[in-house]
């Protein structure tokens, strides 16, 4: 009996590890790589809104220029969704700022969060976590994009972000490749550096990237085109869409 219990535990552990790895490989293969390609439009998930409170005067943080996430709402929603509060705060602020920048976009925090889940399980891939300042506790770096099962993307940053001077690799909780980060990276926390390993910077950059080109993410075509631009995979579209719907349902109406 003890041996059977041990076997069951080991089997469960293996399943979880394989599932997490599959999510990562799915997201890391082309994360943040734009381009054309045929894909089916799927219904846009509900675009969930967060709750904000007025910003206290004197804040230097870019994520809080006009408003900040309500702490009570944040705590309740983190419990309902299972999203770490530190990651959720970044997703909600990112969606709010992206919509302020591009009012026609209509992106919900649940879409940003769904991308964050598929890409790195909210910065926890490999057993890591997000620190209070939003940094990942250990680097999250994808496989080299050498054309072997992935797109072939030669190094574009001398290995500065990903440690690889031969091939680009997706980095950080939102899995940006260096070439795309150079174009889309934003400093969201006001420290003067756009850092793909910081959840505030990465989430805002992802939200802005998804909203680019005047997309309307409340429509099926606009939402699908946005997610497709992040990763050209029908399976990825389905994964992100399912998770975005799940988060919106779990969170419920904003109160």
Protein backbone atom coordinates (compact mmCIF):
# COMPACT_ATOMS: atom_id res chain seq x y z
CA UNK A 1 0.00 0.00 0.00
CA UNK A 2 2.80 2.44 0.92
CA UNK A 3 4.53 1.65 -2.36
CA UNK A 4 1.33 2.37 -4.28
CA UNK A 5 0.89 5.69 -2.47
CA UNK A 6 4.45 6.67 -3.32
CA UNK A 7 3.87 5.72 -6.95
CA UNK A 8 0.69 7.84 -7.06
CA UNK A 9 2.51 10.83 -5.58
CA UNK A 10 5.38 10.48 -8.04
CA UNK A 11 2.95 10.15 -10.94
CA UNK A 12 1.11 13.30 -9.88
CA UNK A 13 4.38 15.21 -9.53
CA UNK A 14 5.51 14.08 -12.98
CA UNK A 15 2.20 15.13 -14.51
CA UNK A 16 2.44 18.61 -12.97
CA UNK A 17 6.03 19.03 -14.09
CA UNK A 18 5.24 17.94 -17.65
CA UNK A 19 2.21 20.22 -17.78
CA UNK A 20 4.20 23.24 -16.60
CA UNK A 21 6.96 22.47 -19.09
CA UNK A 22 4.42 22.14 -21.91
CA UNK A 23 2.92 25.54 -21.09
CA UNK A 24 6.39 27.08 -21.11
CA UNK A 25 7.48 25.53 -24.39
CA UNK A 26 4.20 26.54 -26.00
CA UNK A 27 4.68 30.13 -24.92
CA UNK A 28 8.43 30.40 -25.31
CA UNK A 29 8.63 29.15 -28.89
CA UNK A 30 7.55 32.45 -30.49
CA UNK A 31 6.61 34.72 -27.59
CA UNK A 32 6.52 38.34 -28.56
CA UNK A 33 7.24 37.60 -32.23
CA UNK A 34 4.92 39.47 -34.57
CA UNK A 35 4.08 38.53 -38.11
CA UNK A 36 1.38 37.48 -40.53
CA UNK A 37 -0.29 34.14 -40.75
CA UNK A 38 -3.70 32.58 -41.21
CA UNK A 39 -5.64 31.77 -38.08
CA UNK A 40 -9.22 31.30 -37.05
CA UNK A 41 -10.79 34.06 -34.98
CA UNK A 42 -12.22 32.83 -31.72
CA UNK A 43 -14.75 34.68 -29.57
CA UNK A 44 -13.17 37.38 -27.44
CA UNK A 45 -13.32 36.54 -23.72
CA UNK A 46 -15.04 38.99 -21.37
CA UNK A 47 -12.63 41.84 -20.72
CA UNK A 48 -12.47 42.08 -16.93
CA UNK A 49 -11.87 45.41 -15.22
CA UNK A 50 -10.02 46.04 -11.97
CA UNK A 51 -10.91 48.39 -9.15
CA UNK A 52 -8.76 51.46 -8.60
CA UNK A 53 -8.48 54.10 -5.91
CA UNK A 54 -7.12 57.67 -6.30
CA UNK A 55 -3.35 57.90 -6.23
CA UNK A 56 -1.75 59.36 -3.15
CA UNK A 57 0.22 62.48 -4.03
CA UNK A 58 3.94 62.35 -4.64
CA UNK A 59 4.25 58.83 -6.05
CA UNK A 60 7.08 58.39 -8.54
CA UNK A 61 5.89 55.04 -9.84
CA UNK A 62 4.74 55.01 -13.45
CA UNK A 63 2.21 52.26 -12.78
CA UNK A 64 0.51 54.62 -10.36
CA UNK A 65 0.60 57.90 -12.29
CA UNK A 66 -3.18 58.35 -12.27
CA UNK A 67 -4.58 55.55 -10.16
CA UNK A 68 -3.65 52.48 -8.17
CA UNK A 69 -5.23 49.07 -7.65
CA UNK A 70 -7.64 48.91 -4.72
CA UNK A 71 -5.96 46.69 -2.07
CA UNK A 72 -9.20 45.13 -0.84
CA UNK A 73 -10.32 44.19 -4.32
CA UNK A 74 -6.82 42.92 -5.10
CA UNK A 75 -6.72 40.61 -2.07
CA UNK A 76 -10.18 39.18 -2.76
CA UNK A 77 -9.55 38.64 -6.46
CA UNK A 78 -6.15 37.04 -5.89
CA UNK A 79 -7.83 34.45 -3.66
CA UNK A 80 -10.67 33.83 -6.14
CA UNK A 81 -8.38 33.39 -9.15
CA UNK A 82 -5.28 31.89 -7.56
CA UNK A 83 -3.15 34.59 -9.19
CA UNK A 84 -0.39 35.85 -6.86
CA UNK A 85 -1.38 39.32 -5.65
CA UNK A 86 1.91 40.84 -6.84
CA UNK A 87 1.33 39.56 -10.37
CA UNK A 88 -2.35 40.50 -10.37
CA UNK A 89 -1.53 44.07 -9.37
CA UNK A 90 0.81 44.34 -12.35
CA UNK A 91 -1.75 42.90 -14.78
CA UNK A 92 -4.54 45.22 -13.62
CA UNK A 93 -2.30 48.30 -13.71
CA UNK A 94 -1.00 47.29 -17.14
CA UNK A 95 -4.48 46.91 -18.62
CA UNK A 96 -5.54 50.23 -17.12
CA UNK A 97 -2.53 52.06 -18.54
CA UNK A 98 -2.81 50.39 -21.96
CA UNK A 99 -6.46 51.42 -22.23
CA UNK A 100 -5.60 54.96 -21.15
CA UNK A 101 -2.99 55.01 -23.92
CA UNK A 102 -5.26 53.34 -26.51
CA UNK A 103 -8.90 53.85 -25.48
CA UNK A 104 -10.19 51.79 -28.41
CA UNK A 105 -8.25 48.69 -27.28
CA UNK A 106 -10.54 47.53 -24.46
CA UNK A 107 -8.02 45.04 -23.09
CA UNK A 108 -8.97 43.36 -19.82
CA UNK A 109 -6.52 42.44 -17.07
CA UNK A 110 -7.72 38.85 -17.45
CA UNK A 111 -6.22 38.68 -20.95
CA UNK A 112 -2.87 39.99 -19.70
CA UNK A 113 -3.05 37.53 -16.80
CA UNK A 114 -3.88 34.64 -19.13
CA UNK A 115 -0.78 35.38 -21.20
CA UNK A 116 1.25 35.57 -17.97
CA UNK A 117 -0.08 32.19 -16.88
CA UNK A 118 0.65 30.40 -20.15
CA UNK A 119 4.08 32.00 -20.49
CA UNK A 120 5.47 31.47 -16.99
CA UNK A 121 2.68 30.60 -14.54
CA UNK A 122 2.92 34.20 -13.27
CA UNK A 123 6.68 34.15 -12.84
CA UNK A 124 6.75 30.88 -10.90
CA UNK A 125 8.08 28.61 -13.65
CA UNK A 126 10.93 26.49 -12.35
CA UNK A 127 9.93 27.01 -8.74
CA UNK A 128 10.54 30.75 -8.71
CA UNK A 129 8.40 33.57 -7.38
CA UNK A 130 7.93 37.30 -7.70
CA UNK A 131 9.62 39.51 -5.14
CA UNK A 132 7.88 42.47 -3.52
CA UNK A 133 9.47 44.75 -6.12
CA UNK A 134 8.15 42.58 -8.94
CA UNK A 135 11.40 40.89 -9.92
CA UNK A 136 11.52 37.17 -10.64
CA UNK A 137 13.52 35.35 -7.94
CA UNK A 138 15.48 33.53 -10.63
CA UNK A 139 15.87 34.24 -14.37
CA UNK A 140 13.22 32.69 -16.62
CA UNK A 141 14.97 32.07 -19.92
CA UNK A 142 13.58 30.00 -22.77
CA UNK A 143 15.43 27.68 -25.13
CA UNK A 144 17.70 29.08 -27.82
CA UNK A 145 15.69 29.93 -30.93
CA UNK A 146 17.99 27.97 -33.23
CA UNK A 147 15.41 26.65 -35.67
CA UNK A 148 15.26 23.21 -34.05
CA UNK A 149 11.55 23.02 -33.25
CA UNK A 150 11.38 26.81 -32.90
CA UNK A 151 11.81 29.84 -35.11
CA UNK A 152 15.46 30.56 -35.97
CA UNK A 153 16.31 33.99 -34.52
CA UNK A 154 19.97 34.89 -34.36
CA UNK A 155 21.19 36.92 -31.38
CA UNK A 156 20.13 40.57 -31.45
CA UNK A 157 21.43 41.89 -28.11
CA UNK A 158 24.86 40.36 -27.62
CA UNK A 159 23.35 38.16 -24.91
CA UNK A 160 22.62 41.15 -22.66
CA UNK A 161 19.11 40.02 -21.69
CA UNK A 162 19.20 36.28 -22.27
CA UNK A 163 22.87 35.37 -21.73
CA UNK A 164 23.14 33.88 -25.24
CA UNK A 165 25.32 35.67 -27.79
CA UNK A 166 24.44 33.22 -30.57
CA UNK A 167 20.64 32.86 -30.49
CA UNK A 168 17.84 34.94 -29.02
CA UNK A 169 15.87 33.42 -26.15
CA UNK A 170 12.55 34.49 -24.63
CA UNK A 171 13.03 36.00 -21.18
CA UNK A 172 11.09 37.05 -18.12
CA UNK A 173 7.57 36.36 -16.82
CA UNK A 174 5.95 37.45 -20.11
CA UNK A 175 8.62 35.73 -22.26
CA UNK A 176 9.74 38.50 -24.59
CA UNK A 177 12.57 37.88 -27.03
CA UNK A 178 15.25 40.61 -26.94
CA UNK A 179 14.44 41.87 -30.46
CA UNK A 180 10.80 42.48 -29.54
CA UNK A 181 11.68 43.92 -26.14
CA UNK A 182 13.82 46.51 -27.89
CA UNK A 183 10.69 47.72 -29.69
CA UNK A 184 7.97 47.14 -27.09
CA UNK A 185 9.71 47.29 -23.70
CA UNK A 186 8.37 49.90 -21.27
CA UNK A 187 9.44 51.13 -17.84
CA UNK A 188 6.28 50.69 -15.75
CA UNK A 189 7.64 51.06 -12.23
CA UNK A 190 9.41 54.36 -12.72
CA UNK A 191 12.94 53.15 -11.94
CA UNK A 192 14.30 54.40 -15.25
CA UNK A 193 14.91 50.93 -16.72
CA UNK A 194 12.69 48.80 -18.96
CA UNK A 195 13.36 45.33 -17.55
CA UNK A 196 11.71 42.20 -19.04
CA UNK A 197 12.45 40.33 -15.80
CA UNK A 198 10.23 42.72 -13.81
CA UNK A 199 6.51 41.89 -13.80
CA UNK A 200 5.38 45.55 -13.86
CA UNK A 201 7.52 46.37 -16.88
CA UNK A 202 6.78 43.08 -18.64
CA UNK A 203 3.00 43.22 -18.08
CA UNK A 204 2.68 46.81 -19.32
CA UNK A 205 4.85 46.00 -22.33
CA UNK A 206 2.71 42.96 -23.12
CA UNK A 207 -0.54 44.93 -22.81
CA UNK A 208 0.82 47.67 -25.07
CA UNK A 209 2.03 45.10 -27.56
CA UNK A 210 -1.38 43.42 -27.67
CA UNK A 211 -3.12 46.77 -28.20
CA UNK A 212 -0.75 47.88 -30.97
CA UNK A 213 -2.03 48.75 -34.42
CA UNK A 214 -5.37 50.09 -33.20
CA UNK A 215 -6.72 46.66 -32.27
CA UNK A 216 -10.10 46.37 -30.54
CA UNK A 217 -9.78 43.42 -28.17
CA UNK A 218 -13.50 43.38 -27.42
CA UNK A 219 -14.05 41.87 -30.88
CA UNK A 220 -13.29 38.30 -31.90
CA UNK A 221 -10.98 39.35 -34.74
CA UNK A 222 -9.18 42.01 -32.74
CA UNK A 223 -8.58 39.76 -29.74
CA UNK A 224 -7.48 36.80 -31.85
CA UNK A 225 -5.14 38.95 -33.94
CA UNK A 226 -3.58 40.34 -30.75
CA UNK A 227 -2.88 36.95 -29.20
CA UNK A 228 -1.70 35.59 -32.55
CA UNK A 229 0.81 38.44 -32.78
CA UNK A 230 2.24 37.30 -29.45
CA UNK A 231 2.54 33.66 -30.46
CA UNK A 232 1.47 32.25 -33.81
CA UNK A 233 -0.15 29.06 -32.58
CA UNK A 234 -3.76 27.90 -32.67
CA UNK A 235 -3.12 25.93 -29.48
CA UNK A 236 -1.79 29.08 -27.81
CA UNK A 237 -4.91 31.01 -28.84
CA UNK A 238 -7.04 28.34 -27.20
CA UNK A 239 -4.97 28.18 -24.02
CA UNK A 240 -4.97 31.95 -23.49
CA UNK A 241 -8.64 32.26 -24.39
CA UNK A 242 -9.75 29.53 -22.00
CA UNK A 243 -7.70 30.99 -19.15
CA UNK A 244 -8.95 34.53 -19.78
CA UNK A 245 -12.55 33.33 -19.61
CA UNK A 246 -11.80 31.36 -16.45
CA UNK A 247 -10.25 34.37 -14.72
CA UNK A 248 -13.15 36.64 -15.65
CA UNK A 249 -15.66 34.11 -14.29
CA UNK A 250 -13.71 33.54 -11.09
CA UNK A 251 -13.25 37.26 -10.44
CA UNK A 252 -16.90 38.09 -11.02
CA UNK A 253 -18.24 41.67 -11.29
CA UNK A 254 -15.98 44.47 -10.06
CA UNK A 255 -17.27 45.72 -6.70
